[in-house]
Amino acid sequence: MSKPFKYTVGEVKKLFDDYFEQADEKEITVTGLALIFGSKQLLQDYQNRPEYKDLVIEAKLKVENKYEKMLSSKTNPTGAIFALKNFGWTDRQEIETNVNHNIPKVIINGRSDN
C-alpha cells in the first residue's frame, strides 16, 4: 500500500486553480505546477495515482494550451516551439509520394495528347 499524499484531491484542485488565477500568464509552466508539490517527480507521482490523474493532466494541458497560443502571436515563438516539443509535439515534414506508372491520357477538346 502506498503512503498517502500531502494533499487531497480537492486541495490539489484548489492549488491548481489558485496557480492559474494568480500566476502571470507569461510565467505559467509545468515547472510552476511542480513547485506546488516541491519537485517534478512529485507532480508525476500525483499524476500516476488514479484519483489525481485527471487533475494533473488537465493542468498540464492548460500549460500546453498557453504555449500553443503563443505560436500564433506576434512574439518570437521559438520558446513555445521548444516547450511544445517537450509535450510530444514534432515539427517534421511529411511528403507523400505516389508513383503511378499508368499515366492517364489527357484529353483536351476531344483530342488525345498521348
PDB file of N, CA and C in Angstrom:
ATOM      1  N   MET A   1       0.851  -1.189   0.000  1.00  0.00           N
ATOM      2  CA  MET A   1       0.000   0.000   0.000  1.00  0.00           C
ATOM      3  C   MET A   1       0.890   1.243   0.000  1.00  0.00           C
ATOM      4  N   SER A   2       0.594   2.176  -0.873  1.00  0.00           N
ATOM      5  CA  SER A   2       1.390   3.393  -0.962  1.00  0.00           C
ATOM      6  C   SER A   2       0.938   4.389   0.103  1.00  0.00           C
ATOM      7  N   LYS A   3       1.895   5.217   0.518  1.00  0.00           N
ATOM      8  CA  LYS A   3       1.566   6.174   1.580  1.00  0.00           C
ATOM      9  C   LYS A   3       0.722   7.318   1.031  1.00  0.00           C
ATOM     10  N   PRO A   4      -0.110   7.910   1.866  1.00  0.00           N
ATOM     11  CA  PRO A   4      -0.983   8.984   1.384  1.00  0.00           C
ATOM     12  C   PRO A   4      -0.184  10.238   1.020  1.00  0.00           C
ATOM     13  N   PHE A   5      -0.728  10.980   0.074  1.00  0.00           N
ATOM     14  CA  PHE A   5      -0.104  12.229  -0.333  1.00  0.00           C
ATOM     15  C   PHE A   5      -0.442  13.333   0.662  1.00  0.00           C
ATOM     16  N   LYS A   6       0.325  14.386   0.593  1.00  0.00           N
ATOM     17  CA  LYS A   6       0.153  15.539   1.473  1.00  0.00           C
ATOM     18  C   LYS A   6      -1.189  16.227   1.227  1.00  0.00           C
ATOM     19  N   TYR A   7      -1.616  16.267  -0.055  1.00  0.00           N
ATOM     20  CA  TYR A   7      -2.820  16.992  -0.431  1.00  0.00           C
ATOM     21  C   TYR A   7      -3.929  16.049  -0.885  1.00  0.00           C
ATOM     22  N   THR A   8      -5.158  16.404  -0.526  1.00  0.00           N
ATOM     23  CA  THR A   8      -6.316  15.652  -1.015  1.00  0.00           C
ATOM     24  C   THR A   8      -6.607  16.093  -2.447  1.00  0.00           C
ATOM     25  N   VAL A   9      -7.496  15.376  -3.114  1.00  0.00           N
ATOM     26  CA  VAL A   9      -7.886  15.736  -4.476  1.00  0.00           C
ATOM     27  C   VAL A   9      -8.454  17.151  -4.506  1.00  0.00           C
ATOM     28  N   GLY A  10      -9.318  17.475  -3.573  1.00  0.00           N
ATOM     29  CA  GLY A  10      -9.902  18.817  -3.511  1.00  0.00           C
ATOM     30  C   GLY A  10      -8.857  19.896  -3.298  1.00  0.00           C
ATOM     31  N   GLU A  11      -7.871  19.615  -2.461  1.00  0.00           N
ATOM     32  CA  GLU A  11      -6.807  20.582  -2.205  1.00  0.00           C
ATOM     33  C   GLU A  11      -5.938  20.785  -3.452  1.00  0.00           C
ATOM     34  N   VAL A  12      -5.673  19.703  -4.177  1.00  0.00           N
ATOM     35  CA  VAL A  12      -4.875  19.820  -5.402  1.00  0.00           C
ATOM     36  C   VAL A  12      -5.630  20.666  -6.421  1.00  0.00           C
ATOM     37  N   LYS A  13      -6.922  20.440  -6.557  1.00  0.00           N
ATOM     38  CA  LYS A  13      -7.722  21.252  -7.489  1.00  0.00           C
ATOM     39  C   LYS A  13      -7.634  22.718  -7.112  1.00  0.00           C
ATOM     40  N   LYS A  14      -7.760  23.025  -5.829  1.00  0.00           N
ATOM     41  CA  LYS A  14      -7.680  24.413  -5.360  1.00  0.00           C
ATOM     42  C   LYS A  14      -6.292  24.990  -5.615  1.00  0.00           C
ATOM     43  N   LEU A  15      -5.242  24.221  -5.361  1.00  0.00           N
ATOM     44  CA  LEU A  15      -3.875  24.686  -5.601  1.00  0.00           C
ATOM     45  C   LEU A  15      -3.660  25.011  -7.082  1.00  0.00           C
ATOM     46  N   PHE A  16      -4.139  24.140  -7.960  1.00  0.00           N
ATOM     47  CA  PHE A  16      -4.021  24.392  -9.400  1.00  0.00           C
ATOM     48  C   PHE A  16      -4.834  25.623  -9.808  1.00  0.00           C
ATOM     49  N   ASP A  17      -6.074  25.715  -9.330  1.00  0.00           N
ATOM     50  CA  ASP A  17      -6.916  26.869  -9.652  1.00  0.00           C
ATOM     51  C   ASP A  17      -6.242  28.169  -9.211  1.00  0.00           C
ATOM     52  N   ASP A  18      -5.707  28.168  -7.988  1.00  0.00           N
ATOM     53  CA  ASP A  18      -5.022  29.361  -7.477  1.00  0.00           C
ATOM     54  C   ASP A  18      -3.802  29.695  -8.325  1.00  0.00           C
ATOM     55  N   TYR A  19      -3.064  28.677  -8.721  1.00  0.00           N
ATOM     56  CA  TYR A  19      -1.867  28.897  -9.530  1.00  0.00           C
ATOM     57  C   TYR A  19      -2.231  29.597 -10.846  1.00  0.00           C
ATOM     58  N   PHE A  20      -3.242  29.090 -11.542  1.00  0.00           N
ATOM     59  CA  PHE A  20      -3.623  29.661 -12.825  1.00  0.00           C
ATOM     60  C   PHE A  20      -4.254  31.045 -12.676  1.00  0.00           C
ATOM     61  N   GLU A  21      -4.909  31.304 -11.566  1.00  0.00           N
ATOM     62  CA  GLU A  21      -5.514  32.618 -11.345  1.00  0.00           C
ATOM     63  C   GLU A  21      -4.471  33.663 -10.950  1.00  0.00           C
ATOM     64  N   GLN A  22      -3.466  33.267 -10.174  1.00  0.00           N
ATOM     65  CA  GLN A  22      -2.530  34.231  -9.614  1.00  0.00           C
ATOM     66  C   GLN A  22      -1.246  34.403 -10.414  1.00  0.00           C
ATOM     67  N   ALA A  23      -0.842  33.404 -11.150  1.00  0.00           N
ATOM     68  CA  ALA A  23       0.417  33.489 -11.891  1.00  0.00           C
ATOM     69  C   ALA A  23       0.266  34.399 -13.100  1.00  0.00           C
ATOM     70  N   ASP A  24       1.310  35.137 -13.395  1.00  0.00           N
ATOM     71  CA  ASP A  24       1.354  35.942 -14.609  1.00  0.00           C
ATOM     72  C   ASP A  24       1.296  34.975 -15.790  1.00  0.00           C
ATOM     73  N   GLU A  25       0.525  35.311 -16.814  1.00  0.00           N
ATOM     74  CA  GLU A  25       0.354  34.437 -17.991  1.00  0.00           C
ATOM     75  C   GLU A  25       1.699  33.975 -18.552  1.00  0.00           C
ATOM     76  N   LYS A  26       2.690  34.859 -18.539  1.00  0.00           N
ATOM     77  CA  LYS A  26       4.000  34.532 -19.099  1.00  0.00           C
ATOM     78  C   LYS A  26       4.788  33.580 -18.213  1.00  0.00           C
ATOM     79  N   GLU A  27       4.357  33.427 -16.967  1.00  0.00           N
ATOM     80  CA  GLU A  27       5.107  32.603 -16.023  1.00  0.00           C
ATOM     81  C   GLU A  27       4.470  31.236 -15.763  1.00  0.00           C
ATOM     82  N   ILE A  28       3.404  30.918 -16.446  1.00  0.00           N
ATOM     83  CA  ILE A  28       2.737  29.627 -16.246  1.00  0.00           C
ATOM     84  C   ILE A  28       3.539  28.542 -16.957  1.00  0.00           C
ATOM     85  N   THR A  29       4.020  27.584 -16.183  1.00  0.00           N
ATOM     86  CA  THR A  29       4.846  26.499 -16.717  1.00  0.00           C
ATOM     87  C   THR A  29       4.551  25.208 -15.978  1.00  0.00           C
ATOM     88  N   VAL A  30       5.015  24.101 -16.548  1.00  0.00           N
ATOM     89  CA  VAL A  30       4.904  22.813 -15.854  1.00  0.00           C
ATOM     90  C   VAL A  30       5.771  22.842 -14.601  1.00  0.00           C
ATOM     91  N   THR A  31       6.918  23.501 -14.684  1.00  0.00           N
ATOM     92  CA  THR A  31       7.778  23.619 -13.509  1.00  0.00           C
ATOM     93  C   THR A  31       7.049  24.378 -12.404  1.00  0.00           C
ATOM     94  N   GLY A  32       6.292  25.394 -12.781  1.00  0.00           N
ATOM     95  CA  GLY A  32       5.491  26.119 -11.798  1.00  0.00           C
ATOM     96  C   GLY A  32       4.484  25.209 -11.117  1.00  0.00           C
ATOM     97  N   LEU A  33       3.873  24.312 -11.884  1.00  0.00           N
ATOM     98  CA  LEU A  33       2.963  23.318 -11.293  1.00  0.00           C
ATOM     99  C   LEU A  33       3.722  22.406 -10.337  1.00  0.00           C
ATOM    100  N   ALA A  34       4.913  21.990 -10.759  1.00  0.00           N
ATOM    101  CA  ALA A  34       5.720  21.081  -9.941  1.00  0.00           C
ATOM    102  C   ALA A  34       6.131  21.729  -8.621  1.00  0.00           C
ATOM    103  N   LEU A  35       6.379  23.027  -8.658  1.00  0.00           N
ATOM    104  CA  LEU A  35       6.790  23.725  -7.432  1.00  0.00           C
ATOM    105  C   LEU A  35       5.701  23.699  -6.355  1.00  0.00           C
ATOM    106  N   ILE A  36       4.461  23.524  -6.763  1.00  0.00           N
ATOM    107  CA  ILE A  36       3.366  23.390  -5.798  1.00  0.00           C
ATOM    108  C   ILE A  36       3.635  22.193  -4.880  1.00  0.00           C
ATOM    109  N   PHE A  37       4.175  21.138  -5.463  1.00  0.00           N
ATOM    110  CA  PHE A  37       4.425  19.902  -4.713  1.00  0.00           C
ATOM    111  C   PHE A  37       5.858  19.796  -4.205  1.00  0.00           C
ATOM    112  N   GLY A  38       6.768  20.537  -4.826  1.00  0.00           N
ATOM    113  CA  GLY A  38       8.159  20.512  -4.386  1.00  0.00           C
ATOM    114  C   GLY A  38       9.129  19.958  -5.407  1.00  0.00           C
ATOM    115  N   SER A  39       8.620  19.229  -6.411  1.00  0.00           N
ATOM    116  CA  SER A  39       9.510  18.700  -7.454  1.00  0.00           C
ATOM    117  C   SER A  39       8.689  18.176  -8.625  1.00  0.00           C
ATOM    118  N   LYS A  40       9.377  18.024  -9.761  1.00  0.00           N
ATOM    119  CA  LYS A  40       8.710  17.444 -10.932  1.00  0.00           C
ATOM    120  C   LYS A  40       8.350  15.983 -10.669  1.00  0.00           C
ATOM    121  N   GLN A  41       9.179  15.311  -9.906  1.00  0.00           N
ATOM    122  CA  GLN A  41       8.895  13.907  -9.589  1.00  0.00           C
ATOM    123  C   GLN A  41       7.613  13.774  -8.769  1.00  0.00           C
ATOM    124  N   LEU A  42       7.422  14.677  -7.805  1.00  0.00           N
ATOM    125  CA  LEU A  42       6.187  14.617  -7.015  1.00  0.00           C
ATOM    126  C   LEU A  42       4.963  14.924  -7.869  1.00  0.00           C
ATOM    127  N   LEU A  43       5.093  15.869  -8.790  1.00  0.00           N
ATOM    128  CA  LEU A  43       3.980  16.146  -9.720  1.00  0.00           C
ATOM    129  C   LEU A  43       3.653  14.882 -10.508  1.00  0.00           C
ATOM    130  N   GLN A  44       4.684  14.194 -10.987  1.00  0.00           N
ATOM    131  CA  GLN A  44       4.479  12.946 -11.737  1.00  0.00           C
ATOM    132  C   GLN A  44       3.878  11.864 -10.829  1.00  0.00           C
ATOM    133  N   ASP A  45       4.315  11.815  -9.576  1.00  0.00           N
ATOM    134  CA  ASP A  45       3.752  10.838  -8.632  1.00  0.00           C
ATOM    135  C   ASP A  45       2.253  11.066  -8.450  1.00  0.00           C
ATOM    136  N   TYR A  46       1.852  12.335  -8.343  1.00  0.00           N
ATOM    137  CA  TYR A  46       0.422  12.634  -8.233  1.00  0.00           C
ATOM    138  C   TYR A  46      -0.305  12.191  -9.503  1.00  0.00           C
ATOM    139  N   GLN A  47       0.286  12.459 -10.651  1.00  0.00           N
ATOM    140  CA  GLN A  47      -0.352  12.072 -11.912  1.00  0.00           C
ATOM    141  C   GLN A  47      -0.488  10.562 -12.027  1.00  0.00           C
ATOM    142  N   ASN A  48       0.415   9.826 -11.442  1.00  0.00           N
ATOM    143  CA  ASN A  48       0.379   8.359 -11.532  1.00  0.00           C
ATOM    144  C   ASN A  48      -0.689   7.726 -10.654  1.00  0.00           C
ATOM    145  N   ARG A  49      -1.273   8.491  -9.744  1.00  0.00           N
ATOM    146  CA  ARG A  49      -2.353   7.969  -8.911  1.00  0.00           C
ATOM    147  C   ARG A  49      -3.688   8.248  -9.582  1.00  0.00           C
ATOM    148  N   PRO A  50      -4.515   7.228  -9.735  1.00  0.00           N
ATOM    149  CA  PRO A  50      -5.779   7.387 -10.474  1.00  0.00           C
ATOM    150  C   PRO A  50      -6.658   8.538  -9.993  1.00  0.00           C
ATOM    151  N   GLU A  51      -6.720   8.766  -8.691  1.00  0.00           N
ATOM    152  CA  GLU A  51      -7.619   9.801  -8.182  1.00  0.00           C
ATOM    153  C   GLU A  51      -7.133  11.227  -8.497  1.00  0.00           C
ATOM    154  N   TYR A  52      -5.855  11.395  -8.829  1.00  0.00           N
ATOM    155  CA  TYR A  52      -5.292  12.707  -9.146  1.00  0.00           C
ATOM    156  C   TYR A  52      -5.000  12.877 -10.640  1.00  0.00           C
ATOM    157  N   LYS A  53      -4.991  11.794 -11.366  1.00  0.00           N
ATOM    158  CA  LYS A  53      -4.529  11.786 -12.757  1.00  0.00           C
ATOM    159  C   LYS A  53      -5.203  12.849 -13.628  1.00  0.00           C
ATOM    160  N   ASP A  54      -6.523  12.876 -13.623  1.00  0.00           N
ATOM    161  CA  ASP A  54      -7.248  13.825 -14.475  1.00  0.00           C
ATOM    162  C   ASP A  54      -6.925  15.277 -14.121  1.00  0.00           C
ATOM    163  N   LEU A  55      -6.774  15.572 -12.826  1.00  0.00           N
ATOM    164  CA  LEU A  55      -6.447  16.938 -12.403  1.00  0.00           C
ATOM    165  C   LEU A  55      -5.088  17.383 -12.927  1.00  0.00           C
ATOM    166  N   VAL A  56      -4.092  16.514 -12.796  1.00  0.00           N
ATOM    167  CA  VAL A  56      -2.740  16.853 -13.228  1.00  0.00           C
ATOM    168  C   VAL A  56      -2.692  16.981 -14.747  1.00  0.00           C
ATOM    169  N   ILE A  57      -3.327  16.060 -15.448  1.00  0.00           N
ATOM    170  CA  ILE A  57      -3.342  16.116 -16.906  1.00  0.00           C
ATOM    171  C   ILE A  57      -4.029  17.402 -17.381  1.00  0.00           C
ATOM    172  N   GLU A  58      -5.138  17.768 -16.767  1.00  0.00           N
ATOM    173  CA  GLU A  58      -5.839  18.997 -17.145  1.00  0.00           C
ATOM    174  C   GLU A  58      -4.952  20.223 -16.914  1.00  0.00           C
ATOM    175  N   ALA A  59      -4.242  20.259 -15.788  1.00  0.00           N
ATOM    176  CA  ALA A  59      -3.347  21.391 -15.503  1.00  0.00           C
ATOM    177  C   ALA A  59      -2.224  21.463 -16.534  1.00  0.00           C
ATOM    178  N   LYS A  60      -1.655  20.318 -16.890  1.00  0.00           N
ATOM    179  CA  LYS A  60      -0.594  20.306 -17.903  1.00  0.00           C
ATOM    180  C   LYS A  60      -1.140  20.735 -19.261  1.00  0.00           C
ATOM    181  N   LEU A  61      -2.374  20.356 -19.578  1.00  0.00           N
ATOM    182  CA  LEU A  61      -2.999  20.770 -20.837  1.00  0.00           C
ATOM    183  C   LEU A  61      -3.191  22.286 -20.890  1.00  0.00           C
ATOM    184  N   LYS A  62      -3.500  22.896 -19.754  1.00  0.00           N
ATOM    185  CA  LYS A  62      -3.638  24.350 -19.715  1.00  0.00           C
ATOM    186  C   LYS A  62      -2.304  25.014 -20.029  1.00  0.00           C
ATOM    187  N   VAL A  63      -1.214  24.447 -19.507  1.00  0.00           N
ATOM    188  CA  VAL A  63       0.114  24.979 -19.805  1.00  0.00           C
ATOM    189  C   VAL A  63       0.415  24.790 -21.292  1.00  0.00           C
ATOM    190  N   GLU A  64       0.134  23.605 -21.810  1.00  0.00           N
ATOM    191  CA  GLU A  64       0.368  23.317 -23.226  1.00  0.00           C
ATOM    192  C   GLU A  64      -0.449  24.254 -24.113  1.00  0.00           C
ATOM    193  N   ASN A  65      -1.691  24.509 -23.732  1.00  0.00           N
ATOM    194  CA  ASN A  65      -2.562  25.401 -24.480  1.00  0.00           C
ATOM    195  C   ASN A  65      -1.971  26.808 -24.539  1.00  0.00           C
ATOM    196  N   LYS A  66      -1.390  27.263 -23.432  1.00  0.00           N
ATOM    197  CA  LYS A  66      -0.757  28.584 -23.401  1.00  0.00           C
ATOM    198  C   LYS A  66       0.365  28.658 -24.434  1.00  0.00           C
ATOM    199  N   TYR A  67       1.192  27.615 -24.500  1.00  0.00           N
ATOM    200  CA  TYR A  67       2.286  27.603 -25.467  1.00  0.00           C
ATOM    201  C   TYR A  67       1.764  27.522 -26.902  1.00  0.00           C
ATOM    202  N   GLU A  68       0.718  26.753 -27.103  1.00  0.00           N
ATOM    203  CA  GLU A  68       0.145  26.640 -28.446  1.00  0.00           C
ATOM    204  C   GLU A  68      -0.364  28.002 -28.923  1.00  0.00           C
ATOM    205  N   LYS A  69      -0.997  28.752 -28.044  1.00  0.00           N
ATOM    206  CA  LYS A  69      -1.482  30.085 -28.400  1.00  0.00           C
ATOM    207  C   LYS A  69      -0.328  31.008 -28.762  1.00  0.00           C
ATOM    208  N   MET A  70       0.818  30.813 -28.130  1.00  0.00           N
ATOM    209  CA  MET A  70       1.979  31.657 -28.401  1.00  0.00           C
ATOM    210  C   MET A  70       2.493  31.468 -29.826  1.00  0.00           C
ATOM    211  N   LEU A  71       2.202  30.332 -30.437  1.00  0.00           N
ATOM    212  CA  LEU A  71       2.665  30.087 -31.805  1.00  0.00           C
ATOM    213  C   LEU A  71       2.058  31.070 -32.787  1.00  0.00           C
ATOM    214  N   SER A  72       0.858  31.540 -32.516  1.00  0.00           N
ATOM    215  CA  SER A  72       0.197  32.453 -33.447  1.00  0.00           C
ATOM    216  C   SER A  72       0.327  33.914 -33.021  1.00  0.00           C
ATOM    217  N   SER A  73       1.044  34.155 -31.939  1.00  0.00           N
ATOM    218  CA  SER A  73       1.223  35.542 -31.501  1.00  0.00           C
ATOM    219  C   SER A  73       2.325  36.207 -32.313  1.00  0.00           C
ATOM    220  N   LYS A  74       2.451  37.496 -32.154  1.00  0.00           N
ATOM    221  CA  LYS A  74       3.440  38.241 -32.925  1.00  0.00           C
ATOM    222  C   LYS A  74       4.825  38.192 -32.281  1.00  0.00           C
ATOM    223  N   THR A  75       4.932  37.574 -31.120  1.00  0.00           N
ATOM    224  CA  THR A  75       6.234  37.440 -30.478  1.00  0.00           C
ATOM    225  C   THR A  75       6.987  36.273 -31.097  1.00  0.00           C
ATOM    226  N   ASN A  76       8.246  36.165 -30.796  1.00  0.00           N
ATOM    227  CA  ASN A  76       9.075  35.073 -31.310  1.00  0.00           C
ATOM    228  C   ASN A  76       8.607  33.752 -30.686  1.00  0.00           C
ATOM    229  N   PRO A  77       8.151  32.801 -31.497  1.00  0.00           N
ATOM    230  CA  PRO A  77       7.592  31.558 -30.952  1.00  0.00           C
ATOM    231  C   PRO A  77       8.628  30.478 -30.619  1.00  0.00           C
ATOM    232  N   THR A  78       9.915  30.788 -30.698  1.00  0.00           N
ATOM    233  CA  THR A  78      10.938  29.757 -30.505  1.00  0.00           C
ATOM    234  C   THR A  78      10.796  29.050 -29.164  1.00  0.00           C
ATOM    235  N   GLY A  79      10.616  29.806 -28.103  1.00  0.00           N
ATOM    236  CA  GLY A  79      10.468  29.202 -26.774  1.00  0.00           C
ATOM    237  C   GLY A  79       9.239  28.313 -26.697  1.00  0.00           C
ATOM    238  N   ALA A  80       8.148  28.769 -27.309  1.00  0.00           N
ATOM    239  CA  ALA A  80       6.914  27.982 -27.309  1.00  0.00           C
ATOM    240  C   ALA A  80       7.109  26.684 -28.082  1.00  0.00           C
ATOM    241  N   ILE A  81       7.821  26.766 -29.202  1.00  0.00           N
ATOM    242  CA  ILE A  81       8.085  25.555 -30.001  1.00  0.00           C
ATOM    243  C   ILE A  81       8.877  24.553 -29.178  1.00  0.00           C
ATOM    244  N   PHE A  82       9.913  25.039 -28.501  1.00  0.00           N
ATOM    245  CA  PHE A  82      10.735  24.169 -27.658  1.00  0.00           C
ATOM    246  C   PHE A  82       9.884  23.523 -26.562  1.00  0.00           C
ATOM    247  N   ALA A  83       9.056  24.321 -25.889  1.00  0.00           N
ATOM    248  CA  ALA A  83       8.213  23.796 -24.813  1.00  0.00           C
ATOM    249  C   ALA A  83       7.231  22.761 -25.340  1.00  0.00           C
ATOM    250  N   LEU A  84       6.636  23.019 -26.504  1.00  0.00           N
ATOM    251  CA  LEU A  84       5.668  22.076 -27.061  1.00  0.00           C
ATOM    252  C   LEU A  84       6.338  20.763 -27.459  1.00  0.00           C
ATOM    253  N   LYS A  85       7.596  20.820 -27.879  1.00  0.00           N
ATOM    254  CA  LYS A  85       8.310  19.576 -28.181  1.00  0.00           C
ATOM    255  C   LYS A  85       8.434  18.717 -26.928  1.00  0.00           C
ATOM    256  N   ASN A  86       8.550  19.370 -25.763  1.00  0.00           N
ATOM    257  CA  ASN A  86       8.592  18.619 -24.505  1.00  0.00           C
ATOM    258  C   ASN A  86       7.245  17.995 -24.165  1.00  0.00           C
ATOM    259  N   PHE A  87       6.186  18.473 -24.796  1.00  0.00           N
ATOM    260  CA  PHE A  87       4.860  17.874 -24.650  1.00  0.00           C
ATOM    261  C   PHE A  87       4.623  16.787 -25.689  1.00  0.00           C
ATOM    262  N   GLY A  88       5.626  16.522 -26.532  1.00  0.00           N
ATOM    263  CA  GLY A  88       5.492  15.469 -27.532  1.00  0.00           C
ATOM    264  C   GLY A  88       5.193  15.967 -28.929  1.00  0.00           C
ATOM    265  N   TRP A  89       5.102  17.272 -29.119  1.00  0.00           N
ATOM    266  CA  TRP A  89       4.864  17.810 -30.447  1.00  0.00           C
ATOM    267  C   TRP A  89       6.114  17.598 -31.293  1.00  0.00           C
ATOM    268  N   THR A  90       5.940  17.526 -32.597  1.00  0.00           N
ATOM    269  CA  THR A  90       7.072  17.405 -33.514  1.00  0.00           C
ATOM    270  C   THR A  90       6.922  18.446 -34.611  1.00  0.00           C
ATOM    271  N   ASP A  91       8.021  18.752 -35.265  1.00  0.00           N
ATOM    272  CA  ASP A  91       7.961  19.697 -36.376  1.00  0.00           C
ATOM    273  C   ASP A  91       8.638  19.089 -37.597  1.00  0.00           C
ATOM    274  N   ARG A  92       8.096  18.004 -38.019  1.00  0.00           N
ATOM    275  CA  ARG A  92       8.670  17.327 -39.182  1.00  0.00           C
ATOM    276  C   ARG A  92       7.739  17.518 -40.378  1.00  0.00           C
ATOM    277  N   GLN A  93       8.334  17.447 -41.520  1.00  0.00           N
ATOM    278  CA  GLN A  93       7.551  17.500 -42.751  1.00  0.00           C
ATOM    279  C   GLN A  93       7.348  16.084 -43.244  1.00  0.00           C
ATOM    280  N   GLU A  94       6.167  15.818 -43.691  1.00  0.00           N
ATOM    281  CA  GLU A  94       5.890  14.524 -44.294  1.00  0.00           C
ATOM    282  C   GLU A  94       5.497  14.758 -45.734  1.00  0.00           C
ATOM    283  N   ILE A  95       6.238  14.134 -46.629  1.00  0.00           N
ATOM    284  CA  ILE A  95       5.954  14.275 -48.053  1.00  0.00           C
ATOM    285  C   ILE A  95       5.465  12.934 -48.551  1.00  0.00           C
ATOM    286  N   GLU A  96       4.286  12.957 -49.106  1.00  0.00           N
ATOM    287  CA  GLU A  96       3.691  11.733 -49.606  1.00  0.00           C
ATOM    288  C   GLU A  96       3.904  11.674 -51.117  1.00  0.00           C
ATOM    289  N   THR A  97       4.482  10.587 -51.551  1.00  0.00           N
ATOM    290  CA  THR A  97       4.674  10.426 -52.993  1.00  0.00           C
ATOM    291  C   THR A  97       3.887   9.218 -53.452  1.00  0.00           C
ATOM    292  N   ASN A  98       3.398   9.331 -54.653  1.00  0.00           N
ATOM    293  CA  ASN A  98       2.634   8.246 -55.230  1.00  0.00           C
ATOM    294  C   ASN A  98       3.144   8.054 -56.650  1.00  0.00           C
ATOM    295  N   VAL A  99       3.839   6.973 -56.867  1.00  0.00           N
ATOM    296  CA  VAL A  99       4.370   6.699 -58.198  1.00  0.00           C
ATOM    297  C   VAL A  99       3.370   5.807 -58.914  1.00  0.00           C
ATOM    298  N   ASN A 100       2.857   6.330 -60.005  1.00  0.00           N
ATOM    299  CA  ASN A 100       1.875   5.587 -60.770  1.00  0.00           C
ATOM    300  C   ASN A 100       2.415   5.479 -62.197  1.00  0.00           C
ATOM    301  N   HIS A 101       2.729   4.272 -62.599  1.00  0.00           N
ATOM    302  CA  HIS A 101       3.297   4.061 -63.927  1.00  0.00           C
ATOM    303  C   HIS A 101       2.233   4.073 -65.026  1.00  0.00           C
ATOM    304  N   ASN A 102       0.997   4.021 -64.654  1.00  0.00           N
ATOM    305  CA  ASN A 102      -0.092   4.084 -65.628  1.00  0.00           C
ATOM    306  C   ASN A 102      -0.550   5.530 -65.733  1.00  0.00           C
ATOM    307  N   ILE A 103       0.142   6.313 -66.539  1.00  0.00           N
ATOM    308  CA  ILE A 103      -0.180   7.721 -66.692  1.00  0.00           C
ATOM    309  C   ILE A 103      -1.428   7.838 -67.560  1.00  0.00           C
ATOM    310  N   PRO A 104      -2.445   8.510 -67.046  1.00  0.00           N
ATOM    311  CA  PRO A 104      -3.682   8.609 -67.831  1.00  0.00           C
ATOM    312  C   PRO A 104      -3.500   9.530 -69.039  1.00  0.00           C
ATOM    313  N   LYS A 105      -4.292   9.278 -70.045  1.00  0.00           N
ATOM    314  CA  LYS A 105      -4.273  10.127 -71.230  1.00  0.00           C
ATOM    315  C   LYS A 105      -4.965  11.438 -70.896  1.00  0.00           C
ATOM    316  N   VAL A 106      -4.418  12.497 -71.417  1.00  0.00           N
ATOM    317  CA  VAL A 106      -5.025  13.810 -71.238  1.00  0.00           C
ATOM    318  C   VAL A 106      -5.824  14.101 -72.498  1.00  0.00           C
ATOM    319  N   ILE A 107      -7.088  14.359 -72.338  1.00  0.00           N
ATOM    320  CA  ILE A 107      -7.951  14.639 -73.470  1.00  0.00           C
ATOM    321  C   ILE A 107      -8.402  16.080 -73.407  1.00  0.00           C
ATOM    322  N   ILE A 108      -8.030  16.857 -74.407  1.00  0.00           N
ATOM    323  CA  ILE A 108      -8.401  18.265 -74.479  1.00  0.00           C
ATOM    324  C   ILE A 108      -9.260  18.473 -75.708  1.00  0.00           C
ATOM    325  N   ASN A 109     -10.425  18.999 -75.514  1.00  0.00           N
ATOM    326  CA  ASN A 109     -11.354  19.268 -76.614  1.00  0.00           C
ATOM    327  C   ASN A 109     -11.552  18.028 -77.501  1.00  0.00           C
ATOM    328  N   GLY A 110     -11.649  16.878 -76.859  1.00  0.00           N
ATOM    329  CA  GLY A 110     -11.896  15.641 -77.614  1.00  0.00           C
ATOM    330  C   GLY A 110     -10.661  15.058 -78.254  1.00  0.00           C
ATOM    331  N   ARG A 111      -9.479  15.711 -78.151  1.00  0.00           N
ATOM    332  CA  ARG A 111      -8.235  15.169 -78.748  1.00  0.00           C
ATOM    333  C   ARG A 111      -7.362  14.586 -77.651  1.00  0.00           C
ATOM    334  N   SER A 112      -6.738  13.495 -77.938  1.00  0.00           N
ATOM    335  CA  SER A 112      -5.808  12.876 -77.003  1.00  0.00           C
ATOM    336  C   SER A 112      -4.414  13.394 -77.265  1.00  0.00           C
ATOM    337  N   ASP A 113      -3.717  13.871 -76.206  1.00  0.00           N
ATOM    338  CA  ASP A 113      -2.340  14.360 -76.359  1.00  0.00           C
ATOM    339  C   ASP A 113      -1.322  13.232 -76.182  1.00  0.00           C
ATOM    340  N   ASN A 114      -1.698  12.047 -75.803  1.00  0.00           N
ATOM    341  CA  ASN A 114      -0.732  10.948 -75.591  1.00  0.00           C
ATOM    342  C   ASN A 114      -0.715  10.041 -76.776  1.00  0.00           C
TER     343      ASN A 114
END
